[in-house]
Amino acid sequence: MVIFEAETSKNAIWRGKITKGFLDWKKKQTKKKSVKTSTIQKISDSIIIEIQSNIQEIFSKLDNFEYRLRNLEIKKPVLEKEKKLGKISDEHFFRILKTAYNSSENKFGDFVSVSALTDKIKEFIPWTTDKIHSELYKLFMNYKIDLQPGKYVDGTPLIQDGKTYVWFKLK
């Protein structure tokens, strides 16, 4: 009643009875409150729905992450066994090959002797020379690397330690 009288400058009670103006004002106030309440309810419902969908997305990403971790845990011993047995993927061997090629000090132009490269690769993988050469040949057959007799610009063969070697170049 105090709010009504402050807003409208009218009396809520006149001669002991509640006035019609006060009753109308009270109905309007309850409608305003119900409209505000319903609007707030709609907004809160939409926020809750959005939060629930975000939570579901987060949980699905966590499930995928856990699945990948489990797969890695399962595959890790297998990969270690393969490495001990001398089996690694072509992509992994190619990465090691690039590392050995880039770290080689004895380059003639873009070429590195296969023997020097083999020695570098042995630092990463405990394979025999024949195994490394067979893997190099597989990459050569797949057109990923270039093996050729190393030659100077004038066409004479590159000779190291009095021997002519096959030289290696990344494509």
C-alpha atoms as a PDB file:
ATOM      1  CA  MET A   1       0.000   0.000   0.000  1.00  0.00           C
ATOM      2  CA  VAL A   2       2.833   2.361   0.767  1.00  0.00           C
ATOM      3  CA  ILE A   3       4.269   1.782  -2.713  1.00  0.00           C
ATOM      4  CA  PHE A   4       0.867   2.462  -4.319  1.00  0.00           C
ATOM      5  CA  GLU A   5       0.485   5.691  -2.440  1.00  0.00           C
ATOM      6  CA  ALA A   6       4.041   6.752  -3.301  1.00  0.00           C
ATOM      7  CA  GLU A   7       3.623   5.964  -7.020  1.00  0.00           C
ATOM      8  CA  THR A   8       0.103   7.292  -7.562  1.00  0.00           C
ATOM      9  CA  SER A   9      -0.291   9.909  -4.802  1.00  0.00           C
ATOM     10  CA  LYS A  10      -3.675   8.319  -3.989  1.00  0.00           C
ATOM     11  CA  ASN A  11      -4.945   6.531  -0.939  1.00  0.00           C
ATOM     12  CA  ALA A  12      -5.197   2.758  -1.020  1.00  0.00           C
ATOM     13  CA  ILE A  13      -7.914   2.753   1.652  1.00  0.00           C
ATOM     14  CA  TRP A  14     -10.720   5.297   1.663  1.00  0.00           C
ATOM     15  CA  ARG A  15     -13.346   5.327   4.437  1.00  0.00           C
ATOM     16  CA  GLY A  16     -12.206   1.902   5.648  1.00  0.00           C
ATOM     17  CA  LYS A  17     -12.486   0.188   2.276  1.00  0.00           C
ATOM     18  CA  ILE A  18      -9.873  -0.722  -0.285  1.00  0.00           C
ATOM     19  CA  THR A  19     -10.219   1.510  -3.354  1.00  0.00           C
ATOM     20  CA  LYS A  20     -10.855   0.292  -6.867  1.00  0.00           C
ATOM     21  CA  GLY A  21      -7.719   2.124  -8.115  1.00  0.00           C
ATOM     22  CA  PHE A  22      -5.592   0.207  -5.640  1.00  0.00           C
ATOM     23  CA  LEU A  23      -7.103  -3.130  -6.759  1.00  0.00           C
ATOM     24  CA  ASP A  24      -6.496  -2.279 -10.453  1.00  0.00           C
ATOM     25  CA  TRP A  25      -2.944  -1.185  -9.660  1.00  0.00           C
ATOM     26  CA  LYS A  26      -2.347  -4.438  -7.753  1.00  0.00           C
ATOM     27  CA  LYS A  27      -3.611  -6.533 -10.709  1.00  0.00           C
ATOM     28  CA  LYS A  28      -1.244  -4.679 -13.072  1.00  0.00           C
ATOM     29  CA  GLN A  29       1.663  -5.237 -10.685  1.00  0.00           C
ATOM     30  CA  THR A  30       0.989  -8.978 -10.462  1.00  0.00           C
ATOM     31  CA  LYS A  31       0.745  -9.186 -14.286  1.00  0.00           C
ATOM     32  CA  LYS A  32       4.057  -7.328 -14.619  1.00  0.00           C
ATOM     33  CA  LYS A  33       5.640  -9.682 -12.108  1.00  0.00           C
ATOM     34  CA  SER A  34       4.268 -12.757 -13.892  1.00  0.00           C
ATOM     35  CA  VAL A  35       5.501 -11.443 -17.284  1.00  0.00           C
ATOM     36  CA  LYS A  36       8.950 -10.715 -15.782  1.00  0.00           C
ATOM     37  CA  THR A  37       8.940 -14.095 -14.079  1.00  0.00           C
ATOM     38  CA  SER A  38       7.993 -15.930 -17.291  1.00  0.00           C
ATOM     39  CA  THR A  39      10.636 -14.009 -19.265  1.00  0.00           C
ATOM     40  CA  ILE A  40      13.249 -14.789 -16.652  1.00  0.00           C
ATOM     41  CA  GLN A  41      12.108 -18.427 -16.646  1.00  0.00           C
ATOM     42  CA  LYS A  42      12.445 -18.655 -20.450  1.00  0.00           C
ATOM     43  CA  ILE A  43      15.907 -17.102 -20.345  1.00  0.00           C
ATOM     44  CA  SER A  44      17.028 -19.380 -17.530  1.00  0.00           C
ATOM     45  CA  ASP A  45      15.623 -22.432 -19.355  1.00  0.00           C
ATOM     46  CA  SER A  46      17.521 -21.534 -22.536  1.00  0.00           C
ATOM     47  CA  ILE A  47      20.726 -20.979 -20.524  1.00  0.00           C
ATOM     48  CA  ILE A  48      20.265 -24.330 -18.778  1.00  0.00           C
ATOM     49  CA  ILE A  49      19.716 -26.094 -22.122  1.00  0.00           C
ATOM     50  CA  GLU A  50      22.855 -24.472 -23.554  1.00  0.00           C
ATOM     51  CA  ILE A  51      24.899 -25.419 -20.483  1.00  0.00           C
ATOM     52  CA  GLN A  52      23.636 -29.008 -20.680  1.00  0.00           C
ATOM     53  CA  SER A  53      24.617 -29.270 -24.358  1.00  0.00           C
ATOM     54  CA  ASN A  54      28.071 -27.815 -23.553  1.00  0.00           C
ATOM     55  CA  ILE A  55      28.487 -30.324 -20.727  1.00  0.00           C
ATOM     56  CA  GLN A  56      27.486 -33.189 -23.032  1.00  0.00           C
ATOM     57  CA  GLU A  57      30.012 -31.984 -25.630  1.00  0.00           C
ATOM     58  CA  ILE A  58      32.750 -31.778 -22.983  1.00  0.00           C
ATOM     59  CA  PHE A  59      31.956 -35.295 -21.771  1.00  0.00           C
ATOM     60  CA  SER A  60      32.009 -36.677 -25.313  1.00  0.00           C
ATOM     61  CA  LYS A  61      35.417 -35.037 -25.899  1.00  0.00           C
ATOM     62  CA  LEU A  62      36.674 -36.508 -22.634  1.00  0.00           C
ATOM     63  CA  ASP A  63      35.406 -39.935 -23.669  1.00  0.00           C
ATOM     64  CA  ASN A  64      37.224 -39.623 -27.018  1.00  0.00           C
ATOM     65  CA  PHE A  65      40.385 -38.541 -25.218  1.00  0.00           C
ATOM     66  CA  GLU A  66      40.178 -41.481 -22.795  1.00  0.00           C
ATOM     67  CA  TYR A  67      39.579 -43.840 -25.741  1.00  0.00           C
ATOM     68  CA  ARG A  68      42.692 -42.520 -27.510  1.00  0.00           C
ATOM     69  CA  LEU A  69      44.741 -42.850 -24.316  1.00  0.00           C
ATOM     70  CA  ARG A  70      43.600 -46.446 -23.865  1.00  0.00           C
ATOM     71  CA  ASN A  71      44.525 -47.207 -27.487  1.00  0.00           C
ATOM     72  CA  LEU A  72      47.966 -45.684 -26.964  1.00  0.00           C
ATOM     73  CA  GLU A  73      48.467 -47.705 -23.787  1.00  0.00           C
ATOM     74  CA  ILE A  74      47.515 -50.844 -25.686  1.00  0.00           C
ATOM     75  CA  LYS A  75      49.698 -50.018 -28.707  1.00  0.00           C
ATOM     76  CA  LYS A  76      52.766 -48.838 -26.773  1.00  0.00           C
ATOM     77  CA  PRO A  77      54.052 -52.319 -25.824  1.00  0.00           C
ATOM     78  CA  VAL A  78      53.356 -53.497 -29.378  1.00  0.00           C
ATOM     79  CA  LEU A  79      55.346 -50.590 -30.849  1.00  0.00           C
ATOM     80  CA  GLU A  80      58.201 -51.232 -28.423  1.00  0.00           C
ATOM     81  CA  LYS A  81      58.214 -54.931 -29.390  1.00  0.00           C
ATOM     82  CA  GLU A  82      58.262 -54.009 -33.073  1.00  0.00           C
ATOM     83  CA  LYS A  83      61.133 -51.610 -32.476  1.00  0.00           C
ATOM     84  CA  LYS A  84      63.092 -54.333 -30.665  1.00  0.00           C
ATOM     85  CA  LEU A  85      62.330 -56.728 -33.500  1.00  0.00           C
ATOM     86  CA  GLY A  86      63.390 -54.114 -36.012  1.00  0.00           C
ATOM     87  CA  LYS A  87      59.961 -53.244 -37.370  1.00  0.00           C
ATOM     88  CA  ILE A  88      59.012 -49.595 -37.632  1.00  0.00           C
ATOM     89  CA  SER A  89      56.709 -47.761 -40.006  1.00  0.00           C
ATOM     90  CA  ASP A  90      57.990 -46.224 -43.222  1.00  0.00           C
ATOM     91  CA  GLU A  91      56.972 -42.777 -41.989  1.00  0.00           C
ATOM     92  CA  HIS A  92      58.999 -43.200 -38.797  1.00  0.00           C
ATOM     93  CA  PHE A  93      62.021 -44.450 -40.754  1.00  0.00           C
ATOM     94  CA  PHE A  94      61.656 -41.487 -43.136  1.00  0.00           C
ATOM     95  CA  ARG A  95      61.655 -39.052 -40.179  1.00  0.00           C
ATOM     96  CA  ILE A  96      64.825 -40.675 -38.809  1.00  0.00           C
ATOM     97  CA  LEU A  97      66.328 -40.517 -42.286  1.00  0.00           C
ATOM     98  CA  LYS A  98      65.581 -36.781 -42.545  1.00  0.00           C
ATOM     99  CA  THR A  99      67.142 -36.180 -39.129  1.00  0.00           C
ATOM    100  CA  ALA A 100      70.272 -38.136 -40.077  1.00  0.00           C
ATOM    101  CA  TYR A 101      70.476 -36.354 -43.447  1.00  0.00           C
ATOM    102  CA  ASN A 102      70.157 -32.892 -41.907  1.00  0.00           C
ATOM    103  CA  SER A 103      72.708 -33.651 -39.186  1.00  0.00           C
ATOM    104  CA  SER A 104      75.311 -35.069 -41.570  1.00  0.00           C
ATOM    105  CA  GLU A 105      78.547 -33.065 -41.754  1.00  0.00           C
ATOM    106  CA  ASN A 106      79.966 -34.657 -44.932  1.00  0.00           C
ATOM    107  CA  LYS A 107      77.653 -33.169 -47.568  1.00  0.00           C
ATOM    108  CA  PHE A 108      78.718 -32.536 -51.135  1.00  0.00           C
ATOM    109  CA  GLY A 109      76.109 -30.095 -52.341  1.00  0.00           C
ATOM    110  CA  ASP A 110      72.816 -31.770 -51.450  1.00  0.00           C
ATOM    111  CA  PHE A 111      74.330 -35.263 -51.427  1.00  0.00           C
ATOM    112  CA  VAL A 112      75.440 -37.426 -48.517  1.00  0.00           C
ATOM    113  CA  SER A 113      77.166 -40.763 -48.998  1.00  0.00           C
ATOM    114  CA  VAL A 114      74.971 -43.709 -48.151  1.00  0.00           C
ATOM    115  CA  SER A 115      77.648 -45.154 -45.882  1.00  0.00           C
ATOM    116  CA  ALA A 116      77.810 -41.935 -43.807  1.00  0.00           C
ATOM    117  CA  LEU A 117      74.025 -41.848 -43.703  1.00  0.00           C
ATOM    118  CA  THR A 118      73.893 -45.486 -42.596  1.00  0.00           C
ATOM    119  CA  ASP A 119      76.264 -44.743 -39.723  1.00  0.00           C
ATOM    120  CA  LYS A 120      74.038 -41.819 -38.628  1.00  0.00           C
ATOM    121  CA  ILE A 121      70.885 -43.952 -38.809  1.00  0.00           C
ATOM    122  CA  LYS A 122      72.541 -46.609 -36.631  1.00  0.00           C
ATOM    123  CA  GLU A 123      72.719 -43.982 -33.870  1.00  0.00           C
ATOM    124  CA  PHE A 124      68.887 -43.940 -33.857  1.00  0.00           C
ATOM    125  CA  ILE A 125      68.021 -47.552 -34.756  1.00  0.00           C
ATOM    126  CA  PRO A 126      70.137 -50.606 -33.860  1.00  0.00           C
ATOM    127  CA  TRP A 127      69.782 -52.214 -37.300  1.00  0.00           C
ATOM    128  CA  THR A 128      72.308 -53.920 -39.525  1.00  0.00           C
ATOM    129  CA  THR A 129      73.679 -52.134 -42.572  1.00  0.00           C
ATOM    130  CA  ASP A 130      71.777 -54.507 -44.873  1.00  0.00           C
ATOM    131  CA  LYS A 131      68.470 -53.768 -43.128  1.00  0.00           C
ATOM    132  CA  ILE A 132      69.031 -49.999 -43.414  1.00  0.00           C
ATOM    133  CA  HIS A 133      69.966 -50.332 -47.088  1.00  0.00           C
ATOM    134  CA  SER A 134      66.863 -52.418 -47.800  1.00  0.00           C
ATOM    135  CA  GLU A 135      64.669 -49.757 -46.130  1.00  0.00           C
ATOM    136  CA  LEU A 136      66.409 -47.040 -48.166  1.00  0.00           C
ATOM    137  CA  TYR A 137      65.768 -49.075 -51.315  1.00  0.00           C
ATOM    138  CA  LYS A 138      62.041 -49.375 -50.409  1.00  0.00           C
ATOM    139  CA  LEU A 139      61.826 -45.583 -50.063  1.00  0.00           C
ATOM    140  CA  PHE A 140      63.702 -45.209 -53.369  1.00  0.00           C
ATOM    141  CA  MET A 141      61.186 -47.503 -55.085  1.00  0.00           C
ATOM    142  CA  ASN A 142      58.330 -45.399 -53.654  1.00  0.00           C
ATOM    143  CA  TYR A 143      59.893 -42.234 -55.142  1.00  0.00           C
ATOM    144  CA  LYS A 144      60.439 -40.654 -51.722  1.00  0.00           C
ATOM    145  CA  ILE A 145      64.236 -40.437 -51.947  1.00  0.00           C
ATOM    146  CA  ASP A 146      66.883 -40.173 -54.649  1.00  0.00           C
ATOM    147  CA  LEU A 147      69.850 -42.577 -54.765  1.00  0.00           C
ATOM    148  CA  GLN A 148      72.431 -42.009 -57.457  1.00  0.00           C
ATOM    149  CA  PRO A 149      76.131 -41.953 -58.062  1.00  0.00           C
ATOM    150  CA  GLY A 150      77.320 -38.648 -56.679  1.00  0.00           C
ATOM    151  CA  LYS A 151      78.979 -36.462 -59.295  1.00  0.00           C
ATOM    152  CA  TYR A 152      80.584 -33.058 -59.377  1.00  0.00           C
ATOM    153  CA  VAL A 153      79.103 -30.404 -61.638  1.00  0.00           C
ATOM    154  CA  ASP A 154      81.597 -31.323 -64.369  1.00  0.00           C
ATOM    155  CA  GLY A 155      80.403 -34.960 -64.258  1.00  0.00           C
ATOM    156  CA  THR A 156      83.333 -36.583 -62.494  1.00  0.00           C
ATOM    157  CA  PRO A 157      82.320 -38.983 -59.713  1.00  0.00           C
ATOM    158  CA  LEU A 158      82.464 -37.911 -56.080  1.00  0.00           C
ATOM    159  CA  ILE A 159      85.158 -39.980 -54.418  1.00  0.00           C
ATOM    160  CA  GLN A 160      85.616 -40.275 -50.678  1.00  0.00           C
ATOM    161  CA  ASP A 161      88.530 -42.166 -49.092  1.00  0.00           C
ATOM    162  CA  GLY A 162      89.575 -43.315 -52.556  1.00  0.00           C
ATOM    163  CA  LYS A 163      86.185 -45.030 -53.159  1.00  0.00           C
ATOM    164  CA  THR A 164      83.210 -44.118 -55.294  1.00  0.00           C
ATOM    165  CA  TYR A 165      80.022 -44.319 -53.241  1.00  0.00           C
ATOM    166  CA  VAL A 166      76.337 -44.202 -53.956  1.00  0.00           C
ATOM    167  CA  TRP A 167      75.092 -40.853 -52.730  1.00  0.00           C
ATOM    168  CA  PHE A 168      71.804 -39.972 -51.181  1.00  0.00           C
ATOM    169  CA  LYS A 169      69.599 -36.914 -51.666  1.00  0.00           C
ATOM    170  CA  LEU A 170      66.147 -36.045 -50.278  1.00  0.00           C
ATOM    171  CA  LYS A 171      63.609 -35.153 -52.951  1.00  0.00           C
END
